[in-house]
Amino acid sequence: MTTDVRALRQTEWNVWYDNLIRAFGGVPEPAEERELYNALTEYDRSLGVWDGDQVVGTAGAFTFLLTVPGGACVPAAGVTMVSVAATHRRRGVLTSMMRRQLDDIYAWGEPLAVLTASEPAIYGRFGYGIGTLQLNAEIDTSRVRLSVPPGTDDVRLRYAAPAEVLDACEAVYARLVPGRPGMLARRPGWERVGLLDPEDHRDGASPLQCVVAERDGEVVGYTRFRVKPEWGAAGHDGSVALSALEGLDPAARAALWRFLFDIDLTSTLRSHARPVDEDLLHLVSDIRRCKLRLKDSLHVRLVDVGAALEARTYQAPVDVVFEVEDAFCPWNEGRWRLTGDAKGACCVRTGEDSADLALSVRELGAAYLGGVSLASLATAGRVRELRQGALAEASVAFSSVIAPWLPHGF
């Protein structure tokens, strides 16, 4: 098969996007959602695979800044809108796009590529490791009670139109970004994603609602949610679907959680894509009735091993030599010596030092944000310790005191 892989032209976006929609089932998106993603598409960073005049493959790469351990925001390509036409399976279309895309990202000088996967089994062979998990919950608010911290009653809550308080909510989000690995510093336009509210995506629930938390006249938190009224033989059985909740301190977050628990005529609170160390877990009276579930979230790929490992800091002093396997991006292959601590790091190639740990770039991606332990990967046979003590040293150094979390998809 002869195909042409090239950057997307603006005039081709509609046919390119239609192919993407068809690959995901063919159900048209609401006009407001389609228009937003048209505006967010970066044409020179988006690829199309063409078979004659037909688009048979799509892939994009948003320009992102990703928080890493230590608080730095590091350039990362947000891989997105990946699809292959069902007529062109098993013909190398996806591999050709991944090859071109990673070559481009490396040439752009971006040390990381990240994605969320519709099918997690696909991306490991291209060097992506699962770097963050997300927590989903379905809480029986008729039986679960909250124990809130001091100061919660001092927080004032008020309803507000989501668009009218968008700037204040974004200011809260921006203040939180440096404090947690895996968060994205939102570039202009991305704030609109959280306000998308097409009627046919509500599943019978209300339009998007917003409540802000204030202290001394300053917005210190917010939540966005929908309410779905339902009735059964025993009376009300409504539910709350959480879209977002952010707060600058424990009292602000607790005030918002308490509000969501107490909404009239509801008995269930559903939340998804929350951090695995969610503070709510320590406030509830009965964790079993929260029906907690974990799911993969951000998949991480080190495009430039040296630059990526230098970009973050480390919980404890570390001096370790990695033997890295990376067949898809051979410029990463070989031995890298990492030295670093909480103040900074240096990672350089070495031909003289013996390797301490052997692993593939996929395992480095999984451990990179501090939420996956190198030691746990070693128990699965994914990391080999070549110098006694090196595994414990590196595992402690790579860890993060706060769990990495991707707050929204892309």
Protein backbone atom coordinates (compact mmCIF):
# COMPACT_ATOMS: atom_id res chain seq x y z
CA MET A 1 0.00 0.00 0.00
CA THR A 2 1.25 3.45 -0.92
CA THR A 3 0.17 6.17 1.48
CA ASP A 4 1.22 9.74 2.14
CA VAL A 5 1.84 10.89 5.72
CA ARG A 6 1.92 14.67 6.00
CA ALA A 7 0.96 17.64 8.13
CA LEU A 8 -2.65 18.71 8.02
CA ARG A 9 -3.76 21.68 5.94
CA GLN A 10 -6.43 23.93 7.38
CA THR A 11 -8.73 23.34 4.41
CA GLU A 12 -8.60 19.59 5.08
CA TRP A 13 -9.74 19.72 8.70
CA ASN A 14 -13.38 18.77 8.17
CA VAL A 15 -12.69 15.62 6.17
CA TRP A 16 -9.82 14.76 8.56
CA TYR A 17 -12.04 15.18 11.61
CA ASP A 18 -14.92 13.29 10.00
CA ASN A 19 -12.60 10.29 9.58
CA LEU A 20 -11.70 10.54 13.28
CA ILE A 21 -15.38 10.62 14.28
CA ARG A 22 -16.15 7.61 12.08
CA ALA A 23 -13.31 5.63 13.66
CA PHE A 24 -14.88 6.28 17.09
CA GLY A 25 -18.29 5.03 16.04
CA GLY A 26 -19.56 7.68 13.64
CA VAL A 27 -21.90 9.53 16.02
CA PRO A 28 -21.67 13.26 15.12
CA GLU A 29 -20.45 15.58 17.84
CA PRO A 30 -22.51 18.58 18.92
CA ALA A 31 -21.67 21.70 16.92
CA GLU A 32 -20.19 23.57 19.91
CA GLU A 33 -17.77 20.71 20.66
CA ARG A 34 -16.71 20.35 17.04
CA GLU A 35 -16.13 24.10 16.72
CA LEU A 36 -14.01 24.18 19.87
CA TYR A 37 -11.73 21.36 18.78
CA ASN A 38 -11.41 22.94 15.36
CA ALA A 39 -10.15 26.07 17.09
CA LEU A 40 -7.77 24.08 19.31
CA THR A 41 -6.28 21.97 16.51
CA GLU A 42 -2.67 22.86 15.72
CA TYR A 43 -2.46 22.14 12.00
CA ASP A 44 1.31 22.00 11.68
CA ARG A 45 1.40 19.47 14.55
CA SER A 46 -1.41 17.29 13.16
CA LEU A 47 -0.87 14.42 10.75
CA GLY A 48 -3.06 12.83 8.13
CA VAL A 49 -2.42 9.61 6.27
CA TRP A 50 -3.81 9.75 2.77
CA ASP A 51 -4.60 6.91 0.40
CA GLY A 52 -5.25 8.81 -2.80
CA ASP A 53 -7.84 11.43 -1.90
CA GLN A 54 -9.06 9.57 1.20
CA VAL A 55 -7.97 10.18 4.78
CA VAL A 56 -7.20 6.80 6.37
CA GLY A 57 -5.34 7.93 9.49
CA THR A 58 -5.27 10.90 11.87
CA ALA A 59 -3.05 12.02 14.74
CA GLY A 60 -2.46 15.33 16.49
CA ALA A 61 -0.06 16.75 19.07
CA PHE A 62 -1.16 19.66 21.23
CA THR A 63 1.46 22.02 22.66
CA PHE A 64 1.34 21.50 26.42
CA LEU A 65 3.29 22.31 29.56
CA LEU A 66 3.16 19.41 32.02
CA THR A 67 3.99 19.72 35.72
CA VAL A 68 6.70 17.29 36.86
CA PRO A 69 8.03 16.47 40.36
CA GLY A 70 9.69 19.61 41.69
CA GLY A 71 7.05 21.92 40.22
CA ALA A 72 8.58 22.73 36.82
CA CYS A 73 6.28 22.91 33.80
CA VAL A 74 7.98 20.92 31.02
CA PRO A 75 7.13 21.04 27.30
CA ALA A 76 5.11 17.97 26.37
CA ALA A 77 3.33 16.96 23.18
CA GLY A 78 -0.26 16.01 23.96
CA VAL A 79 -0.89 13.19 21.50
CA THR A 80 -4.53 13.16 20.50
CA MET A 81 -7.13 12.44 17.81
CA VAL A 82 -5.42 9.19 16.78
CA SER A 83 -7.43 6.99 14.44
CA VAL A 84 -7.06 4.51 11.60
CA ALA A 85 -9.85 3.78 9.13
CA ALA A 86 -11.31 0.29 9.58
CA THR A 87 -10.59 -0.37 5.90
CA HIS A 88 -6.84 0.05 6.52
CA ARG A 89 -6.15 -2.05 9.60
CA ARG A 90 -2.90 -3.99 9.91
CA ARG A 91 -1.22 -2.10 7.09
CA GLY A 92 1.25 -0.05 9.13
CA VAL A 93 -0.80 3.17 9.16
CA LEU A 94 -0.60 3.69 12.92
CA THR A 95 3.09 2.80 13.03
CA SER A 96 3.85 5.27 10.25
CA MET A 97 2.07 8.06 12.15
CA MET A 98 3.78 7.22 15.45
CA ARG A 99 7.15 7.12 13.67
CA ARG A 100 6.65 10.53 12.05
CA GLN A 101 5.13 12.04 15.18
CA LEU A 102 7.91 11.02 17.58
CA ASP A 103 10.55 12.13 15.09
CA ASP A 104 8.81 15.52 14.91
CA ILE A 105 8.48 15.86 18.69
CA TYR A 106 12.18 15.09 19.12
CA ALA A 107 13.05 17.67 16.44
CA TRP A 108 10.86 20.25 18.21
CA GLY A 109 12.95 19.78 21.35
CA GLU A 110 10.06 18.55 23.50
CA PRO A 111 11.31 15.88 25.92
CA LEU A 112 7.92 14.29 26.65
CA ALA A 113 4.90 12.95 24.82
CA VAL A 114 1.70 12.15 26.71
CA LEU A 115 -1.69 10.76 25.81
CA THR A 116 -4.90 9.27 27.13
CA ALA A 117 -5.77 6.00 25.44
CA SER A 118 -9.12 4.75 24.21
CA GLU A 119 -7.44 1.33 24.02
CA PRO A 120 -4.54 1.06 26.52
CA ALA A 121 -3.07 -2.03 24.85
CA ILE A 122 -2.02 -0.04 21.77
CA TYR A 123 0.67 2.35 22.95
CA GLY A 124 3.11 0.29 24.97
CA ARG A 125 4.86 -0.87 21.82
CA PHE A 126 5.61 2.75 20.99
CA GLY A 127 7.27 3.34 24.37
CA TYR A 128 4.38 4.79 26.41
CA GLY A 129 3.96 3.72 30.03
CA ILE A 130 0.96 4.35 32.28
CA GLY A 131 2.17 7.20 34.48
CA THR A 132 -1.02 8.19 36.31
CA LEU A 133 -4.21 6.54 37.47
CA GLN A 134 -7.56 8.14 38.11
CA LEU A 135 -10.10 7.42 40.81
CA ASN A 136 -13.80 6.99 40.03
CA ALA A 137 -16.46 6.81 42.71
CA GLU A 138 -20.19 6.29 43.14
CA ILE A 139 -21.04 7.47 46.64
CA ASP A 140 -24.24 6.67 48.51
CA THR A 141 -24.74 10.10 50.04
CA SER A 142 -27.84 8.93 51.92
CA ARG A 143 -25.60 6.75 54.13
CA VAL A 144 -22.08 8.23 53.91
CA ARG A 145 -21.32 11.19 56.14
CA LEU A 146 -18.44 13.66 56.06
CA SER A 147 -16.12 14.74 58.85
CA VAL A 148 -14.85 18.14 57.76
CA PRO A 149 -11.72 20.00 58.95
CA PRO A 150 -11.72 23.19 61.04
CA GLY A 151 -12.52 26.30 59.05
CA THR A 152 -15.02 24.65 56.72
CA ASP A 153 -17.90 26.68 58.15
CA ASP A 154 -15.99 29.91 57.39
CA VAL A 155 -16.15 29.24 53.65
CA ARG A 156 -18.98 30.99 51.82
CA LEU A 157 -20.59 29.18 48.88
CA ARG A 158 -22.66 30.73 46.12
CA TYR A 159 -24.12 29.65 42.82
CA ALA A 160 -22.73 31.36 39.73
CA ALA A 161 -23.10 30.99 35.99
CA PRO A 162 -20.11 28.90 34.87
CA ALA A 163 -19.03 31.36 32.18
CA GLU A 164 -19.33 34.39 34.46
CA VAL A 165 -16.84 33.08 37.02
CA LEU A 166 -14.55 31.34 34.53
CA ASP A 167 -11.62 33.71 35.07
CA ALA A 168 -11.76 33.32 38.84
CA CYS A 169 -11.97 29.53 38.56
CA GLU A 170 -9.04 29.45 36.14
CA ALA A 171 -6.99 31.52 38.60
CA VAL A 172 -7.62 28.85 41.26
CA TYR A 173 -6.61 26.10 38.84
CA ALA A 174 -3.44 27.95 37.80
CA ARG A 175 -2.33 28.26 41.43
CA LEU A 176 -2.68 24.51 41.89
CA VAL A 177 -0.76 23.44 38.77
CA PRO A 178 2.81 23.66 40.18
CA GLY A 179 1.90 21.64 43.25
CA ARG A 180 0.93 18.35 41.62
CA PRO A 181 2.77 16.36 38.90
CA GLY A 182 0.72 15.49 35.84
CA MET A 183 -1.31 18.69 35.69
CA LEU A 184 -1.46 20.73 32.51
CA ALA A 185 -0.88 24.48 32.48
CA ARG A 186 -3.89 25.50 30.42
CA ARG A 187 -3.09 27.47 27.29
CA PRO A 188 -5.62 29.98 25.90
CA GLY A 189 -8.73 28.24 24.65
CA TRP A 190 -8.46 25.18 26.88
CA GLU A 191 -10.47 26.82 29.65
CA ARG A 192 -13.50 26.48 27.36
CA VAL A 193 -13.35 22.68 27.43
CA GLY A 194 -14.66 22.62 31.00
CA LEU A 195 -17.71 24.64 29.94
CA LEU A 196 -18.82 22.34 27.12
CA ASP A 197 -22.42 21.46 27.87
CA PRO A 198 -24.26 19.98 24.88
CA GLU A 199 -27.75 18.82 25.79
CA ASP A 200 -27.36 15.37 24.24
CA HIS A 201 -24.38 14.66 26.53
CA ARG A 202 -26.32 15.27 29.75
CA ASP A 203 -28.16 11.92 29.87
CA GLY A 204 -31.24 13.57 31.32
CA ALA A 205 -29.34 15.70 33.81
CA SER A 206 -29.47 19.45 34.27
CA PRO A 207 -27.35 21.95 32.39
CA LEU A 208 -23.92 22.48 33.90
CA GLN A 209 -24.07 24.21 37.27
CA CYS A 210 -21.30 25.97 39.19
CA VAL A 211 -20.74 26.85 42.84
CA VAL A 212 -17.76 28.90 43.97
CA ALA A 213 -16.17 28.89 47.42
CA GLU A 214 -15.11 32.26 48.82
CA ARG A 215 -13.21 33.51 51.84
CA ASP A 216 -12.86 37.22 52.61
CA GLY A 217 -14.25 38.01 49.17
CA GLU A 218 -11.70 35.87 47.31
CA VAL A 219 -12.61 32.79 45.26
CA VAL A 220 -10.70 29.89 46.85
CA GLY A 221 -12.42 26.99 45.12
CA TYR A 222 -15.15 25.91 42.75
CA THR A 223 -17.15 22.93 41.58
CA ARG A 224 -19.01 22.21 38.35
CA PHE A 225 -21.69 19.52 38.29
CA ARG A 226 -25.01 18.36 36.92
CA VAL A 227 -28.06 17.09 38.80
CA LYS A 228 -30.24 14.29 37.46
CA PRO A 229 -33.67 14.17 39.16
CA GLU A 230 -35.15 10.68 39.44
CA TRP A 231 -37.97 9.16 41.45
CA GLY A 232 -38.73 5.64 42.59
CA ALA A 233 -41.37 3.87 44.64
CA ALA A 234 -39.68 5.04 47.85
CA GLY A 235 -39.36 8.66 46.75
CA HIS A 236 -36.50 10.70 45.35
CA ASP A 237 -33.47 8.93 43.94
CA GLY A 238 -31.61 11.70 42.14
CA SER A 239 -27.90 11.83 41.45
CA VAL A 240 -25.13 14.40 41.13
CA ALA A 241 -22.50 14.05 38.40
CA LEU A 242 -19.31 15.86 39.34
CA SER A 243 -17.48 17.57 36.49
CA ALA A 244 -14.76 19.46 38.41
CA LEU A 245 -13.80 20.37 41.95
CA GLU A 246 -10.76 22.42 42.93
CA GLY A 247 -9.86 24.20 46.14
CA LEU A 248 -6.83 26.04 47.45
CA ASP A 249 -6.99 24.51 50.93
CA PRO A 250 -8.63 21.62 52.82
CA ALA A 251 -11.48 23.74 54.21
CA ALA A 252 -12.45 25.07 50.78
CA ARG A 253 -12.48 21.59 49.27
CA ALA A 254 -14.40 20.13 52.21
CA ALA A 255 -17.03 22.87 51.96
CA LEU A 256 -17.58 22.01 48.30
CA TRP A 257 -17.77 18.27 48.95
CA ARG A 258 -20.26 18.82 51.77
CA PHE A 259 -22.40 20.93 49.47
CA LEU A 260 -22.46 18.19 46.82
CA PHE A 261 -23.40 15.57 49.43
CA ASP A 262 -26.30 17.68 50.68
CA ILE A 263 -28.05 18.65 47.43
CA ASP A 264 -31.78 18.13 47.91
CA LEU A 265 -33.54 15.13 46.35
CA THR A 266 -30.30 13.30 45.55
CA SER A 267 -28.78 10.18 47.07
CA THR A 268 -25.83 9.42 44.78
CA LEU A 269 -22.72 11.39 43.90
CA ARG A 270 -20.73 10.18 40.90
CA SER A 271 -17.22 11.44 40.37
CA HIS A 272 -14.64 10.38 37.81
CA ALA A 273 -11.06 11.19 36.88
CA ARG A 274 -10.12 12.27 40.41
CA PRO A 275 -6.63 11.94 41.99
CA VAL A 276 -5.92 8.63 43.70
CA ASP A 277 -4.95 10.47 46.90
CA GLU A 278 -8.20 12.43 46.93
CA ASP A 279 -8.69 14.05 50.36
CA LEU A 280 -12.34 12.99 50.28
CA LEU A 281 -11.18 9.45 51.10
CA HIS A 282 -10.18 10.68 54.57
CA LEU A 283 -13.43 12.57 55.18
CA VAL A 284 -16.03 9.89 54.47
CA SER A 285 -17.59 7.73 57.19
CA ASP A 286 -17.84 4.55 55.09
CA ILE A 287 -15.38 4.08 52.25
CA ARG A 288 -17.00 0.85 51.09
CA ARG A 289 -20.15 2.71 50.14
CA CYS A 290 -18.10 4.97 47.86
CA LYS A 291 -17.61 2.14 45.30
CA LEU A 292 -14.10 3.18 44.34
CA ARG A 293 -12.56 2.12 41.01
CA LEU A 294 -9.17 2.81 39.41
CA LYS A 295 -8.52 3.41 35.74
CA ASP A 296 -5.48 4.27 33.68
CA SER A 297 -5.17 7.96 32.86
CA LEU A 298 -2.03 9.63 31.49
CA HIS A 299 0.36 7.55 29.38
CA VAL A 300 3.88 9.03 29.39
CA ARG A 301 6.65 8.68 26.81
CA LEU A 302 10.19 10.01 27.30
CA VAL A 303 11.12 11.33 23.86
CA ASP A 304 14.51 12.60 25.05
CA VAL A 305 15.62 10.55 28.06
CA GLY A 306 18.40 12.90 29.16
CA ALA A 307 16.37 16.11 28.90
CA ALA A 308 13.32 14.55 30.54
CA LEU A 309 15.19 13.17 33.55
CA GLU A 310 16.99 16.50 34.01
CA ALA A 311 13.71 18.43 33.94
CA ARG A 312 12.42 17.06 37.26
CA THR A 313 13.81 16.90 40.77
CA TYR A 314 14.17 13.89 43.07
CA GLN A 315 12.92 13.13 46.57
CA ALA A 316 16.30 11.88 47.75
CA PRO A 317 19.85 12.08 46.40
CA VAL A 318 20.33 9.68 43.52
CA ASP A 319 23.32 8.58 41.46
CA VAL A 320 22.35 5.71 39.19
CA VAL A 321 23.18 4.46 35.69
CA PHE A 322 20.25 3.24 33.59
CA GLU A 323 20.64 0.82 30.69
CA VAL A 324 17.75 1.97 28.52
CA GLU A 325 16.10 -0.07 25.79
CA ASP A 326 14.18 1.93 23.18
CA ALA A 327 13.86 0.21 19.83
CA PHE A 328 11.34 2.73 18.46
CA CYS A 329 13.43 5.82 19.30
CA PRO A 330 17.00 4.49 19.08
CA TRP A 331 18.54 7.82 20.05
CA ASN A 332 17.53 6.93 23.63
CA GLU A 333 19.22 3.52 23.61
CA GLY A 334 22.19 2.92 25.88
CA ARG A 335 23.47 3.96 29.30
CA TRP A 336 22.47 7.19 31.03
CA ARG A 337 23.89 8.41 34.33
CA LEU A 338 21.42 10.33 36.45
CA THR A 339 22.59 12.37 39.41
CA GLY A 340 20.19 14.58 41.28
CA ASP A 341 18.34 15.59 44.41
CA ALA A 342 15.57 17.96 45.48
CA LYS A 343 17.41 20.94 43.99
CA GLY A 344 18.01 19.66 40.46
CA ALA A 345 19.47 16.93 38.30
CA CYS A 346 21.93 16.08 35.55
CA CYS A 347 21.51 13.17 33.14
CA VAL A 348 24.20 12.39 30.56
CA ARG A 349 25.23 9.52 28.36
CA THR A 350 28.02 7.35 29.66
CA GLY A 351 30.15 4.76 27.96
CA GLU A 352 32.38 4.11 30.93
CA ASP A 353 30.08 3.51 33.88
CA SER A 354 28.54 0.10 34.48
CA ALA A 355 24.75 -0.06 34.45
CA ASP A 356 22.92 -0.19 37.79
CA LEU A 357 19.38 -0.75 36.49
CA ALA A 358 18.14 -2.10 33.15
CA LEU A 359 14.71 -1.21 31.81
CA SER A 360 12.89 0.00 28.74
CA VAL A 361 11.78 3.55 28.06
CA ARG A 362 8.23 2.37 28.78
CA GLU A 363 9.09 1.73 32.44
CA LEU A 364 10.85 5.10 32.69
CA GLY A 365 7.68 6.73 31.40
CA ALA A 366 5.54 4.91 33.96
CA ALA A 367 7.80 5.96 36.85
CA TYR A 368 8.57 9.45 35.59
CA LEU A 369 5.85 11.42 37.41
CA GLY A 370 6.39 9.62 40.71
CA GLY A 371 3.16 7.68 40.93
CA VAL A 372 4.53 4.28 39.88
CA SER A 373 7.38 2.73 41.83
CA LEU A 374 10.41 1.36 40.04
CA ALA A 375 10.47 -1.31 42.73
CA SER A 376 6.94 -2.42 41.85
CA LEU A 377 7.93 -2.60 38.19
CA ALA A 378 10.89 -4.74 39.23
CA THR A 379 8.59 -7.20 41.01
CA ALA A 380 6.85 -7.65 37.66
CA GLY A 381 10.17 -8.28 35.93
CA ARG A 382 10.09 -4.96 34.09
CA VAL A 383 13.19 -3.52 35.80
CA ARG A 384 16.38 -5.48 36.49
CA GLU A 385 18.69 -4.50 39.32
CA LEU A 386 22.34 -4.87 38.30
CA ARG A 387 23.90 -3.20 41.37
CA GLN A 388 22.63 -4.14 44.79
CA GLY A 389 20.85 -1.22 46.43
CA ALA A 390 20.34 0.74 43.21
CA LEU A 391 16.65 -0.20 42.95
CA ALA A 392 15.78 1.09 46.42
CA GLU A 393 17.81 4.26 45.86
CA ALA A 394 16.13 5.06 42.56
CA SER A 395 12.65 4.09 43.76
CA VAL A 396 12.77 6.50 46.69
CA ALA A 397 14.27 9.27 44.56
CA PHE A 398 11.64 8.98 41.80
CA SER A 399 8.67 9.01 44.19
CA SER A 400 6.35 11.98 44.63
CA VAL A 401 4.83 13.05 47.95
CA ILE A 402 1.63 13.95 46.10
CA ALA A 403 0.11 11.59 43.55
CA PRO A 404 0.36 12.66 39.92
CA TRP A 405 -2.97 13.51 38.37
CA LEU A 406 -4.33 14.55 34.99
CA PRO A 407 -7.38 16.73 35.73
CA HIS A 408 -8.92 16.56 32.25
CA GLY A 409 -8.50 14.76 29.00
CA PHE A 410 -7.46 16.08 25.61
